[in-house]
Amino acid sequence: MTDTAIATTELTDAAASEDLETVRLVNGLSCELPANSPLAKLLHSQRTWTGPDAKARLAILRAAKSVAIVGASPNPARSSFFVGTYLQQSSDYRLYFVNPNASEILGQPAYPDLASLPEVPDIVVVFRRGSDIPSVVDDVVSIGAKTIWVQLGIWNEQAAYDGEAKGLTVVMDRCIKVEHARFHGGLHLLGFDTGQITARKTLR
């Protein structure tokens, strides 16, 4: 093996050992960066709002019994479909899909809006553009839900502040699938499926 190959391998191993996080750039694109990299720190320095920490997010997921997904899609290629599939198969949540342009998603009825749901969900997960989040916050408040969970790669800092001012618990720019799997033994800390088979009872 050449010196260049050895150096590349060492660099890859070192990068793999670092915690990666997905950051959203000003052009709307997102990418994975080592959490301690200068660019990641710079991007975070431009944010002033911080959401619940890991312990608080775990408490949110443990306490919830029902989850509504706003912006759910029947398209298997969309991330909301993937997240809905995971929650349907790997959690005990009562799951509701909200999409005014669909009648059924993953074998369940789709609802046109949050007000049409048969119950007030404990968590409202949002797959919408950042500019749409303020209106979703208003909808969540109007039905009396307590937590809005805005998916990974979606950021609207003012909406986060406004939501909290209106009494909501706000989680933003985090994937509920990744968080649930990480807390319940399905993911490595970097967010990858470990493939581990265990007899230990997992928390739902």
C-alpha atoms as a PDB file:
ATOM      1  CA  MET A   1       0.000   0.000   0.000  1.00  0.00           C
ATOM      2  CA  THR A   2       1.370   3.425  -0.919  1.00  0.00           C
ATOM      3  CA  ASP A   3       1.891   6.274   1.526  1.00  0.00           C
ATOM      4  CA  THR A   4      -0.940   8.150  -0.183  1.00  0.00           C
ATOM      5  CA  ALA A   5      -3.300   5.219   0.235  1.00  0.00           C
ATOM      6  CA  ILE A   6      -2.333   4.842   3.887  1.00  0.00           C
ATOM      7  CA  ALA A   7      -2.920   8.531   4.502  1.00  0.00           C
ATOM      8  CA  THR A   8      -6.300   8.381   2.766  1.00  0.00           C
ATOM      9  CA  THR A   9      -7.329   5.377   4.840  1.00  0.00           C
ATOM     10  CA  GLU A  10      -6.296   7.099   8.065  1.00  0.00           C
ATOM     11  CA  LEU A  11      -8.198  10.218   7.067  1.00  0.00           C
ATOM     12  CA  THR A  12     -11.317   8.186   6.241  1.00  0.00           C
ATOM     13  CA  ASP A  13     -11.112   6.302   9.527  1.00  0.00           C
ATOM     14  CA  ALA A  14     -10.704   9.551  11.442  1.00  0.00           C
ATOM     15  CA  ALA A  15     -13.670  11.128   9.676  1.00  0.00           C
ATOM     16  CA  ALA A  16     -15.823   8.071  10.340  1.00  0.00           C
ATOM     17  CA  SER A  17     -15.060   8.319  14.051  1.00  0.00           C
ATOM     18  CA  GLU A  18     -16.376  11.905  14.235  1.00  0.00           C
ATOM     19  CA  ASP A  19     -20.000  12.767  14.875  1.00  0.00           C
ATOM     20  CA  LEU A  20     -21.555  14.009  11.654  1.00  0.00           C
ATOM     21  CA  GLU A  21     -24.478  16.346  11.432  1.00  0.00           C
ATOM     22  CA  THR A  22     -26.551  17.665   8.582  1.00  0.00           C
ATOM     23  CA  VAL A  23     -26.428  21.429   8.186  1.00  0.00           C
ATOM     24  CA  ARG A  24     -28.565  23.589   5.929  1.00  0.00           C
ATOM     25  CA  LEU A  25     -26.775  26.131   3.777  1.00  0.00           C
ATOM     26  CA  VAL A  26     -28.104  29.551   2.821  1.00  0.00           C
ATOM     27  CA  ASN A  27     -28.790  28.333  -0.730  1.00  0.00           C
ATOM     28  CA  GLY A  28     -31.260  25.787   0.621  1.00  0.00           C
ATOM     29  CA  LEU A  29     -29.009  22.774   0.133  1.00  0.00           C
ATOM     30  CA  SER A  30     -27.885  20.584   3.014  1.00  0.00           C
ATOM     31  CA  CYS A  31     -24.764  18.547   3.606  1.00  0.00           C
ATOM     32  CA  GLU A  32     -23.111  16.419   6.263  1.00  0.00           C
ATOM     33  CA  LEU A  33     -20.204  17.919   8.172  1.00  0.00           C
ATOM     34  CA  PRO A  34     -18.173  16.821  11.199  1.00  0.00           C
ATOM     35  CA  ALA A  35     -19.875  18.497  14.154  1.00  0.00           C
ATOM     36  CA  ASN A  36     -16.606  20.052  15.320  1.00  0.00           C
ATOM     37  CA  SER A  37     -15.523  21.363  11.915  1.00  0.00           C
ATOM     38  CA  PRO A  38     -14.951  25.132  11.531  1.00  0.00           C
ATOM     39  CA  LEU A  39     -17.723  25.394   8.911  1.00  0.00           C
ATOM     40  CA  ALA A  40     -20.264  23.611  11.125  1.00  0.00           C
ATOM     41  CA  LYS A  41     -19.350  25.901  14.021  1.00  0.00           C
ATOM     42  CA  LEU A  42     -19.674  28.967  11.782  1.00  0.00           C
ATOM     43  CA  LEU A  43     -23.107  27.931  10.547  1.00  0.00           C
ATOM     44  CA  HIS A  44     -24.284  27.241  14.087  1.00  0.00           C
ATOM     45  CA  SER A  45     -22.938  30.587  15.257  1.00  0.00           C
ATOM     46  CA  GLN A  46     -25.450  32.243  12.960  1.00  0.00           C
ATOM     47  CA  ARG A  47     -28.312  30.558  14.812  1.00  0.00           C
ATOM     48  CA  THR A  48     -29.546  31.898  18.129  1.00  0.00           C
ATOM     49  CA  TRP A  49     -32.428  29.500  18.809  1.00  0.00           C
ATOM     50  CA  THR A  50     -31.666  26.117  20.348  1.00  0.00           C
ATOM     51  CA  GLY A  51     -34.258  23.407  20.814  1.00  0.00           C
ATOM     52  CA  PRO A  52     -34.655  20.636  23.392  1.00  0.00           C
ATOM     53  CA  ASP A  53     -31.522  18.669  24.228  1.00  0.00           C
ATOM     54  CA  ALA A  54     -31.204  14.903  23.755  1.00  0.00           C
ATOM     55  CA  LYS A  55     -32.698  14.096  27.170  1.00  0.00           C
ATOM     56  CA  ALA A  56     -35.694  16.331  26.507  1.00  0.00           C
ATOM     57  CA  ARG A  57     -36.211  14.894  23.015  1.00  0.00           C
ATOM     58  CA  LEU A  58     -36.190  11.384  24.458  1.00  0.00           C
ATOM     59  CA  ALA A  59     -38.826  12.455  27.000  1.00  0.00           C
ATOM     60  CA  ILE A  60     -40.975  13.867  24.168  1.00  0.00           C
ATOM     61  CA  LEU A  61     -40.812  10.615  22.224  1.00  0.00           C
ATOM     62  CA  ARG A  62     -41.493   8.465  25.288  1.00  0.00           C
ATOM     63  CA  ALA A  63     -44.497  10.489  26.400  1.00  0.00           C
ATOM     64  CA  ALA A  64     -46.160  10.627  22.980  1.00  0.00           C
ATOM     65  CA  LYS A  65     -48.948   8.244  22.009  1.00  0.00           C
ATOM     66  CA  SER A  66     -49.945   9.795  18.681  1.00  0.00           C
ATOM     67  CA  VAL A  67     -48.077  11.452  15.817  1.00  0.00           C
ATOM     68  CA  ALA A  68     -49.396  13.378  12.817  1.00  0.00           C
ATOM     69  CA  ILE A  69     -47.210  13.906   9.746  1.00  0.00           C
ATOM     70  CA  VAL A  70     -47.975  17.132   7.893  1.00  0.00           C
ATOM     71  CA  GLY A  71     -46.725  17.000   4.326  1.00  0.00           C
ATOM     72  CA  ALA A  72     -46.842  13.203   4.240  1.00  0.00           C
ATOM     73  CA  SER A  73     -46.472  11.807   0.742  1.00  0.00           C
ATOM     74  CA  PRO A  74     -47.686   8.593  -0.913  1.00  0.00           C
ATOM     75  CA  ASN A  75     -44.542   8.699  -3.073  1.00  0.00           C
ATOM     76  CA  PRO A  76     -42.048   6.033  -1.854  1.00  0.00           C
ATOM     77  CA  ALA A  77     -39.180   8.235  -3.037  1.00  0.00           C
ATOM     78  CA  ARG A  78     -40.045  11.016  -0.585  1.00  0.00           C
ATOM     79  CA  SER A  79     -38.450  11.189   2.843  1.00  0.00           C
ATOM     80  CA  SER A  80     -41.834  11.616   4.540  1.00  0.00           C
ATOM     81  CA  PHE A  81     -42.920   8.232   3.142  1.00  0.00           C
ATOM     82  CA  PHE A  82     -39.754   6.621   4.490  1.00  0.00           C
ATOM     83  CA  VAL A  83     -40.240   8.186   7.933  1.00  0.00           C
ATOM     84  CA  GLY A  84     -43.914   7.210   7.970  1.00  0.00           C
ATOM     85  CA  THR A  85     -42.998   3.622   7.081  1.00  0.00           C
ATOM     86  CA  TYR A  86     -40.480   3.497   9.911  1.00  0.00           C
ATOM     87  CA  LEU A  87     -42.892   4.889  12.509  1.00  0.00           C
ATOM     88  CA  GLN A  88     -45.662   2.587  11.318  1.00  0.00           C
ATOM     89  CA  GLN A  89     -43.467  -0.493  11.648  1.00  0.00           C
ATOM     90  CA  SER A  90     -41.158   0.394  14.541  1.00  0.00           C
ATOM     91  CA  SER A  91     -43.249   2.371  17.004  1.00  0.00           C
ATOM     92  CA  ASP A  92     -46.534   2.052  18.857  1.00  0.00           C
ATOM     93  CA  TYR A  93     -47.687   5.566  17.951  1.00  0.00           C
ATOM     94  CA  ARG A  94     -51.148   6.129  16.542  1.00  0.00           C
ATOM     95  CA  LEU A  95     -50.102   7.580  13.218  1.00  0.00           C
ATOM     96  CA  TYR A  96     -51.970  10.112  11.078  1.00  0.00           C
ATOM     97  CA  PHE A  97     -51.046  11.407   7.630  1.00  0.00           C
ATOM     98  CA  VAL A  98     -51.967  14.941   6.555  1.00  0.00           C
ATOM     99  CA  ASN A  99     -52.018  15.705   2.835  1.00  0.00           C
ATOM    100  CA  PRO A 100     -54.972  17.446   1.120  1.00  0.00           C
ATOM    101  CA  ASN A 101     -54.011  15.880  -2.226  1.00  0.00           C
ATOM    102  CA  ALA A 102     -53.983  12.234  -1.099  1.00  0.00           C
ATOM    103  CA  SER A 103     -56.753   9.923   0.036  1.00  0.00           C
ATOM    104  CA  GLU A 104     -54.560   7.145   1.426  1.00  0.00           C
ATOM    105  CA  ILE A 105     -50.946   6.774   2.524  1.00  0.00           C
ATOM    106  CA  LEU A 106     -49.354   3.525   3.662  1.00  0.00           C
ATOM    107  CA  GLY A 107     -52.761   1.869   3.852  1.00  0.00           C
ATOM    108  CA  GLN A 108     -54.213   4.532   6.133  1.00  0.00           C
ATOM    109  CA  PRO A 109     -56.575   7.403   5.331  1.00  0.00           C
ATOM    110  CA  ALA A 110     -54.960  10.748   4.590  1.00  0.00           C
ATOM    111  CA  TYR A 111     -56.528  13.858   6.124  1.00  0.00           C
ATOM    112  CA  PRO A 112     -56.769  17.259   4.424  1.00  0.00           C
ATOM    113  CA  ASP A 113     -55.605  19.220   7.482  1.00  0.00           C
ATOM    114  CA  LEU A 114     -54.847  18.919  11.177  1.00  0.00           C
ATOM    115  CA  ALA A 115     -58.348  20.058  12.138  1.00  0.00           C
ATOM    116  CA  SER A 116     -59.794  16.960  10.415  1.00  0.00           C
ATOM    117  CA  LEU A 117     -57.899  14.454  12.580  1.00  0.00           C
ATOM    118  CA  PRO A 118     -59.957  12.249  14.930  1.00  0.00           C
ATOM    119  CA  GLU A 119     -57.795  13.292  17.892  1.00  0.00           C
ATOM    120  CA  VAL A 120     -55.267  15.937  18.855  1.00  0.00           C
ATOM    121  CA  PRO A 121     -51.840  14.396  18.177  1.00  0.00           C
ATOM    122  CA  ASP A 122     -49.108  14.573  20.778  1.00  0.00           C
ATOM    123  CA  ILE A 123     -46.495  15.394  18.137  1.00  0.00           C
ATOM    124  CA  VAL A 124     -47.001  17.109  14.793  1.00  0.00           C
ATOM    125  CA  VAL A 125     -44.135  16.238  12.450  1.00  0.00           C
ATOM    126  CA  VAL A 126     -43.696  18.674   9.585  1.00  0.00           C
ATOM    127  CA  PHE A 127     -42.347  18.064   6.078  1.00  0.00           C
ATOM    128  CA  ARG A 128     -42.872  21.516   4.564  1.00  0.00           C
ATOM    129  CA  ARG A 129     -40.680  24.319   3.291  1.00  0.00           C
ATOM    130  CA  GLY A 130     -39.144  26.605   5.878  1.00  0.00           C
ATOM    131  CA  SER A 131     -41.322  29.467   4.674  1.00  0.00           C
ATOM    132  CA  ASP A 132     -44.449  27.384   5.398  1.00  0.00           C
ATOM    133  CA  ILE A 133     -43.581  26.691   9.035  1.00  0.00           C
ATOM    134  CA  PRO A 134     -45.239  29.824  10.528  1.00  0.00           C
ATOM    135  CA  SER A 135     -48.635  28.821   9.137  1.00  0.00           C
ATOM    136  CA  VAL A 136     -48.176  25.256  10.364  1.00  0.00           C
ATOM    137  CA  VAL A 137     -47.315  26.611  13.819  1.00  0.00           C
ATOM    138  CA  ASP A 138     -50.642  28.472  13.796  1.00  0.00           C
ATOM    139  CA  ASP A 139     -52.482  25.291  12.776  1.00  0.00           C
ATOM    140  CA  VAL A 140     -50.789  23.274  15.519  1.00  0.00           C
ATOM    141  CA  VAL A 141     -51.713  25.878  18.122  1.00  0.00           C
ATOM    142  CA  SER A 142     -55.301  26.098  16.878  1.00  0.00           C
ATOM    143  CA  ILE A 143     -55.970  22.372  17.379  1.00  0.00           C
ATOM    144  CA  GLY A 144     -54.350  22.362  20.833  1.00  0.00           C
ATOM    145  CA  ALA A 145     -51.350  20.142  20.047  1.00  0.00           C
ATOM    146  CA  LYS A 146     -48.319  20.664  22.272  1.00  0.00           C
ATOM    147  CA  THR A 147     -45.292  19.696  20.177  1.00  0.00           C
ATOM    148  CA  ILE A 148     -44.227  20.569  16.649  1.00  0.00           C
ATOM    149  CA  TRP A 149     -41.316  18.579  15.239  1.00  0.00           C
ATOM    150  CA  VAL A 150     -39.851  20.125  12.073  1.00  0.00           C
ATOM    151  CA  GLN A 151     -37.861  17.632  10.043  1.00  0.00           C
ATOM    152  CA  LEU A 152     -34.165  17.545   9.272  1.00  0.00           C
ATOM    153  CA  GLY A 153     -32.988  20.198   6.821  1.00  0.00           C
ATOM    154  CA  ILE A 154     -35.920  22.542   7.507  1.00  0.00           C
ATOM    155  CA  TRP A 155     -35.148  25.697   9.464  1.00  0.00           C
ATOM    156  CA  ASN A 156     -37.150  28.790  10.356  1.00  0.00           C
ATOM    157  CA  GLU A 157     -35.737  30.391  13.462  1.00  0.00           C
ATOM    158  CA  GLN A 158     -38.423  33.040  13.851  1.00  0.00           C
ATOM    159  CA  ALA A 159     -41.124  30.363  13.633  1.00  0.00           C
ATOM    160  CA  ALA A 160     -39.345  28.439  16.393  1.00  0.00           C
ATOM    161  CA  TYR A 161     -39.367  31.485  18.673  1.00  0.00           C
ATOM    162  CA  ASP A 162     -42.989  32.258  17.806  1.00  0.00           C
ATOM    163  CA  GLY A 163     -44.037  28.664  18.444  1.00  0.00           C
ATOM    164  CA  GLU A 164     -42.458  28.672  21.876  1.00  0.00           C
ATOM    165  CA  ALA A 165     -44.062  32.027  22.660  1.00  0.00           C
ATOM    166  CA  LYS A 166     -47.411  30.413  21.867  1.00  0.00           C
ATOM    167  CA  GLY A 167     -46.755  27.562  24.282  1.00  0.00           C
ATOM    168  CA  LEU A 168     -45.424  24.914  21.912  1.00  0.00           C
ATOM    169  CA  THR A 169     -42.500  22.602  22.442  1.00  0.00           C
ATOM    170  CA  VAL A 170     -40.467  23.024  19.260  1.00  0.00           C
ATOM    171  CA  VAL A 171     -37.996  20.586  17.745  1.00  0.00           C
ATOM    172  CA  MET A 172     -36.468  21.730  14.467  1.00  0.00           C
ATOM    173  CA  ASP A 173     -33.981  20.462  11.882  1.00  0.00           C
ATOM    174  CA  ARG A 174     -34.001  16.943  13.323  1.00  0.00           C
ATOM    175  CA  CYS A 175     -35.282  13.676  11.873  1.00  0.00           C
ATOM    176  CA  ILE A 176     -37.800  11.957  14.137  1.00  0.00           C
ATOM    177  CA  LYS A 177     -36.942   8.602  12.548  1.00  0.00           C
ATOM    178  CA  VAL A 178     -33.242   8.998  13.322  1.00  0.00           C
ATOM    179  CA  GLU A 179     -33.940  10.266  16.834  1.00  0.00           C
ATOM    180  CA  HIS A 180     -36.395   7.458  17.645  1.00  0.00           C
ATOM    181  CA  ALA A 181     -34.081   4.779  16.256  1.00  0.00           C
ATOM    182  CA  ARG A 182     -31.031   6.194  18.039  1.00  0.00           C
ATOM    183  CA  PHE A 183     -32.796   6.310  21.411  1.00  0.00           C
ATOM    184  CA  HIS A 184     -34.303   2.869  20.956  1.00  0.00           C
ATOM    185  CA  GLY A 185     -31.216   0.952  19.896  1.00  0.00           C
ATOM    186  CA  GLY A 186     -31.675   0.892  16.121  1.00  0.00           C
ATOM    187  CA  LEU A 187     -28.904   3.278  15.129  1.00  0.00           C
ATOM    188  CA  HIS A 188     -25.233   3.881  15.704  1.00  0.00           C
ATOM    189  CA  LEU A 189     -24.507   7.337  17.121  1.00  0.00           C
ATOM    190  CA  LEU A 190     -23.718   8.547  13.606  1.00  0.00           C
ATOM    191  CA  GLY A 191     -27.245   7.626  12.569  1.00  0.00           C
ATOM    192  CA  PHE A 192     -26.543   4.440  10.620  1.00  0.00           C
ATOM    193  CA  ASP A 193     -28.481   1.209  11.012  1.00  0.00           C
ATOM    194  CA  THR A 194     -26.240  -1.073  13.058  1.00  0.00           C
ATOM    195  CA  GLY A 195     -27.980  -4.264  11.985  1.00  0.00           C
ATOM    196  CA  GLN A 196     -27.577  -5.445  15.552  1.00  0.00           C
ATOM    197  CA  ILE A 197     -29.903  -8.196  16.689  1.00  0.00           C
ATOM    198  CA  THR A 198     -30.554  -8.187  20.425  1.00  0.00           C
ATOM    199  CA  ALA A 199     -32.877  -9.859  22.886  1.00  0.00           C
ATOM    200  CA  ARG A 200     -33.000  -6.676  24.937  1.00  0.00           C
ATOM    201  CA  LYS A 201     -36.495  -5.214  24.982  1.00  0.00           C
ATOM    202  CA  THR A 202     -36.522  -1.851  23.209  1.00  0.00           C
ATOM    203  CA  LEU A 203     -38.571   1.120  24.316  1.00  0.00           C
ATOM    204  CA  ARG A 204     -41.386   2.190  22.062  1.00  0.00           C
END
